Amino acid sequence: MSSYRVVISGVAYCISLSDLEEPTNNFTKKIGKGSFGSVYYGKMKDGKEVDVKTMSDSSSHLNKQFVTEVAILSRIHHRNLVPLIGY
């Protein structure tokens, strides 16, 4: 996916897998399923509650769809939508 980072750089920030393991308690609380894979509950060090979406298949087609979704969601701001803070 590194070739796509330029597209979304500056829109949302990249969060490493290791930085998400602690807030999600190693991805133990599954709260749903998204278009790319499972969604997990997490709580960041600052107390912010987050949903963490995972990608179950890393084909190039899905990578492009993922990058498009991140780019769109990071630009949308609406009172009824939670903000995207990273990918």
C-alpha atoms as a PDB file:
ATOM      1  CA  MET A   1       0.000   0.000   0.000  1.00  0.00           C
ATOM      2  CA  SER A   2       3.002   2.320   0.258  1.00  0.00           C
ATOM      3  CA  SER A   3       2.476   3.522  -3.315  1.00  0.00           C
ATOM      4  CA  TYR A   4      -0.899   4.952  -2.278  1.00  0.00           C
ATOM      5  CA  ARG A   5       0.274   6.891   0.783  1.00  0.00           C
ATOM      6  CA  VAL A   6       1.042   9.951  -1.311  1.00  0.00           C
ATOM      7  CA  VAL A   7      -2.636  10.168  -2.304  1.00  0.00           C
ATOM      8  CA  ILE A   8      -3.848  10.393   1.281  1.00  0.00           C
ATOM      9  CA  SER A   9      -0.858  12.035   2.917  1.00  0.00           C
ATOM     10  CA  GLY A  10      -1.889  15.144   4.811  1.00  0.00           C
ATOM     11  CA  VAL A  11      -5.559  14.163   4.847  1.00  0.00           C
ATOM     12  CA  ALA A  12      -5.518  11.597   7.639  1.00  0.00           C
ATOM     13  CA  TYR A  13      -2.465  10.340   9.428  1.00  0.00           C
ATOM     14  CA  CYS A  14      -0.979   6.865   9.292  1.00  0.00           C
ATOM     15  CA  ILE A  15      -1.325   4.876  12.522  1.00  0.00           C
ATOM     16  CA  SER A  16       0.873   1.816  12.864  1.00  0.00           C
ATOM     17  CA  LEU A  17      -0.537  -1.565  13.794  1.00  0.00           C
ATOM     18  CA  SER A  18       1.513  -1.586  16.989  1.00  0.00           C
ATOM     19  CA  ASP A  19      -0.018   1.768  17.994  1.00  0.00           C
ATOM     20  CA  LEU A  20      -3.489   0.213  17.717  1.00  0.00           C
ATOM     21  CA  GLU A  21      -2.821  -3.012  19.598  1.00  0.00           C
ATOM     22  CA  GLU A  22      -2.947  -1.419  23.057  1.00  0.00           C
ATOM     23  CA  PRO A  23      -6.072   0.739  22.510  1.00  0.00           C
ATOM     24  CA  THR A  24      -7.947  -2.253  21.046  1.00  0.00           C
ATOM     25  CA  ASN A  25      -6.605  -4.697  23.645  1.00  0.00           C
ATOM     26  CA  ASN A  26      -5.033  -6.664  20.785  1.00  0.00           C
ATOM     27  CA  PHE A  27      -8.234  -6.485  18.725  1.00  0.00           C
ATOM     28  CA  THR A  28     -10.361  -8.422  21.214  1.00  0.00           C
ATOM     29  CA  LYS A  29     -13.645  -6.468  21.134  1.00  0.00           C
ATOM     30  CA  LYS A  30     -15.144  -6.986  17.691  1.00  0.00           C
ATOM     31  CA  ILE A  31     -18.102  -4.663  17.180  1.00  0.00           C
ATOM     32  CA  GLY A  32     -18.995  -5.336  13.564  1.00  0.00           C
ATOM     33  CA  LYS A  33     -17.943  -5.949  10.022  1.00  0.00           C
ATOM     34  CA  GLY A  34     -17.121  -3.298   7.463  1.00  0.00           C
ATOM     35  CA  SER A  35     -16.644  -3.390   3.723  1.00  0.00           C
ATOM     36  CA  PHE A  36     -12.992  -4.441   4.081  1.00  0.00           C
ATOM     37  CA  GLY A  37     -13.019  -6.613   7.198  1.00  0.00           C
ATOM     38  CA  SER A  38     -13.822  -6.629  10.895  1.00  0.00           C
ATOM     39  CA  VAL A  39     -14.327  -3.503  13.018  1.00  0.00           C
ATOM     40  CA  TYR A  40     -12.975  -3.335  16.576  1.00  0.00           C
ATOM     41  CA  TYR A  41     -13.560  -1.036  19.537  1.00  0.00           C
ATOM     42  CA  GLY A  42     -10.618   0.875  20.933  1.00  0.00           C
ATOM     43  CA  LYS A  43      -9.836   3.599  23.421  1.00  0.00           C
ATOM     44  CA  MET A  44      -6.827   5.831  22.808  1.00  0.00           C
ATOM     45  CA  LYS A  45      -4.517   7.072  25.592  1.00  0.00           C
ATOM     46  CA  ASP A  46      -6.255  10.453  25.570  1.00  0.00           C
ATOM     47  CA  GLY A  47      -9.591   8.722  26.294  1.00  0.00           C
ATOM     48  CA  LYS A  48     -10.953   9.089  22.762  1.00  0.00           C
ATOM     49  CA  GLU A  49     -13.074   6.101  21.778  1.00  0.00           C
ATOM     50  CA  VAL A  50     -12.380   4.780  18.288  1.00  0.00           C
ATOM     51  CA  ASP A  51     -13.579   2.182  15.818  1.00  0.00           C
ATOM     52  CA  VAL A  52     -10.730   0.381  14.083  1.00  0.00           C
ATOM     53  CA  LYS A  53     -11.497  -1.099  10.683  1.00  0.00           C
ATOM     54  CA  THR A  54      -9.263  -3.853   9.387  1.00  0.00           C
ATOM     55  CA  MET A  55      -8.632  -5.039   5.846  1.00  0.00           C
ATOM     56  CA  SER A  56      -8.974  -8.805   5.478  1.00  0.00           C
ATOM     57  CA  ASP A  57      -7.764  -8.982   1.871  1.00  0.00           C
ATOM     58  CA  SER A  58      -4.943  -6.858   0.512  1.00  0.00           C
ATOM     59  CA  SER A  59      -5.503  -7.204  -3.231  1.00  0.00           C
ATOM     60  CA  SER A  60      -4.558  -4.184  -5.332  1.00  0.00           C
ATOM     61  CA  HIS A  61      -8.214  -3.588  -6.206  1.00  0.00           C
ATOM     62  CA  LEU A  62      -9.191  -3.441  -2.524  1.00  0.00           C
ATOM     63  CA  ASN A  63      -6.181  -1.246  -1.757  1.00  0.00           C
ATOM     64  CA  LYS A  64      -7.430   1.302  -4.299  1.00  0.00           C
ATOM     65  CA  GLN A  65     -10.946   1.168  -2.832  1.00  0.00           C
ATOM     66  CA  PHE A  66      -9.522   1.575   0.669  1.00  0.00           C
ATOM     67  CA  VAL A  67      -7.451   4.602  -0.336  1.00  0.00           C
ATOM     68  CA  THR A  68     -10.508   6.148  -1.993  1.00  0.00           C
ATOM     69  CA  GLU A  69     -12.627   5.570   1.119  1.00  0.00           C
ATOM     70  CA  VAL A  70      -9.981   7.091   3.380  1.00  0.00           C
ATOM     71  CA  ALA A  71      -9.625  10.138   1.129  1.00  0.00           C
ATOM     72  CA  ILE A  72     -13.378  10.720   1.009  1.00  0.00           C
ATOM     73  CA  LEU A  73     -14.066  10.079   4.697  1.00  0.00           C
ATOM     74  CA  SER A  74     -11.223  12.302   5.842  1.00  0.00           C
ATOM     75  CA  ARG A  75     -12.701  15.241   3.934  1.00  0.00           C
ATOM     76  CA  ILE A  76     -16.320  14.773   5.028  1.00  0.00           C
ATOM     77  CA  HIS A  77     -17.376  16.606   8.162  1.00  0.00           C
ATOM     78  CA  HIS A  78     -20.967  16.155   9.276  1.00  0.00           C
ATOM     79  CA  ARG A  79     -22.549  16.183  12.721  1.00  0.00           C
ATOM     80  CA  ASN A  80     -23.998  12.701  12.157  1.00  0.00           C
ATOM     81  CA  LEU A  81     -20.706  11.092  11.116  1.00  0.00           C
ATOM     82  CA  VAL A  82     -17.733  10.260  13.269  1.00  0.00           C
ATOM     83  CA  PRO A  83     -14.517  11.849  11.984  1.00  0.00           C
ATOM     84  CA  LEU A  84     -11.735   9.820  10.403  1.00  0.00           C
ATOM     85  CA  ILE A  85      -8.498  10.479  12.284  1.00  0.00           C
ATOM     86  CA  GLY A  86      -6.169   7.995  10.661  1.00  0.00           C
ATOM     87  CA  TYR A  87      -5.601   4.956   8.569  1.00  0.00           C
END
